[in-house]
């Protein structure tokens, strides 16, 4: 049986996956279609969990100088996959 902390972490991971699929994926594809190799993101659910998801998909994630922004970078080939 999962502890409460594990259960909440699992719910947070699902929330991050939904955020990626519904909002972020389209924004990244649009940025890539414009020839950009990076995207500045703000208003995201969880920096650590979103970072884990993006790194697993081949993106590079950086913290920006501003505390509420995340910089997502990619190679042109990786975004279209």
Protein backbone atom coordinates (compact mmCIF):
# COMPACT_ATOMS: atom_id res chain seq x y z
CA UNK A 1 0.00 0.00 0.00
CA UNK A 2 1.28 3.47 -0.88
CA UNK A 3 1.90 6.04 1.79
CA UNK A 4 0.18 9.41 1.60
CA UNK A 5 3.38 11.09 0.38
CA UNK A 6 3.84 8.54 -2.42
CA UNK A 7 0.20 8.90 -3.41
CA UNK A 8 0.46 12.71 -3.57
CA UNK A 9 3.67 12.48 -5.60
CA UNK A 10 1.95 10.12 -8.03
CA UNK A 11 -0.96 12.54 -8.42
CA UNK A 12 1.50 15.42 -8.99
CA UNK A 13 3.31 13.40 -11.70
CA UNK A 14 0.01 12.75 -13.46
CA UNK A 15 -0.79 16.46 -13.28
CA UNK A 16 2.56 17.31 -14.87
CA UNK A 17 1.99 14.77 -17.65
CA UNK A 18 -1.42 16.28 -18.40
CA UNK A 19 0.10 19.78 -18.39
CA UNK A 20 2.75 18.64 -20.87
CA UNK A 21 0.29 16.90 -23.20
CA UNK A 22 -2.39 19.61 -23.18
CA UNK A 23 -0.38 22.83 -23.10
CA UNK A 24 3.37 22.55 -23.27
CA UNK A 25 3.79 20.06 -26.10
CA UNK A 26 1.88 22.29 -28.54
CA UNK A 27 3.82 25.38 -27.47
CA UNK A 28 7.14 23.56 -27.96
CA UNK A 29 6.10 22.28 -31.38
CA UNK A 30 5.06 25.79 -32.41
CA UNK A 31 8.37 27.22 -31.20
CA UNK A 32 10.28 24.53 -33.10
CA UNK A 33 8.29 25.23 -36.26
CA UNK A 34 9.47 28.85 -36.04
CA UNK A 35 13.07 27.63 -35.93
CA UNK A 36 13.65 28.37 -32.25
CA UNK A 37 15.87 26.08 -30.20
CA UNK A 38 14.57 27.15 -26.80
CA UNK A 39 11.44 28.19 -24.98
CA UNK A 40 10.95 30.20 -21.79
CA UNK A 41 8.18 28.77 -19.65
CA UNK A 42 6.37 30.30 -16.73
CA UNK A 43 3.31 29.17 -14.78
CA UNK A 44 4.18 25.50 -14.53
CA UNK A 45 2.95 23.02 -11.90
CA UNK A 46 6.20 21.67 -10.38
CA UNK A 47 9.73 22.53 -11.47
CA UNK A 48 11.33 19.26 -10.32
CA UNK A 49 8.67 16.91 -11.70
CA UNK A 50 8.39 18.82 -14.99
CA UNK A 51 12.18 18.84 -15.29
CA UNK A 52 12.27 15.05 -14.84
CA UNK A 53 9.62 14.58 -17.53
CA UNK A 54 11.32 16.91 -20.03
CA UNK A 55 14.77 15.40 -19.49
CA UNK A 56 13.31 11.93 -20.06
CA UNK A 57 11.97 13.20 -23.40
CA UNK A 58 15.40 14.52 -24.46
CA UNK A 59 15.11 18.20 -23.58
CA UNK A 60 17.63 20.28 -21.66
CA UNK A 61 16.14 22.26 -18.78
CA UNK A 62 17.73 25.28 -17.12
CA UNK A 63 16.64 27.57 -14.35
CA UNK A 64 16.45 31.16 -15.51
CA UNK A 65 17.77 34.17 -13.61
CA UNK A 66 14.16 34.92 -12.72
CA UNK A 67 12.68 32.52 -10.15
CA UNK A 68 9.40 31.76 -11.94
CA UNK A 69 10.83 30.89 -15.36
CA UNK A 70 12.20 27.65 -16.77
CA UNK A 71 14.26 27.57 -19.97
CA UNK A 72 13.68 24.53 -22.16
CA UNK A 73 16.21 23.85 -24.93
CA UNK A 74 16.39 21.21 -27.63
CA UNK A 75 18.08 20.22 -30.82
CA UNK A 76 15.84 20.67 -33.85
CA UNK A 77 15.70 16.90 -34.50
CA UNK A 78 14.52 15.98 -30.98
CA UNK A 79 11.37 18.14 -30.93
CA UNK A 80 9.75 16.59 -33.98
CA UNK A 81 9.93 13.03 -32.61
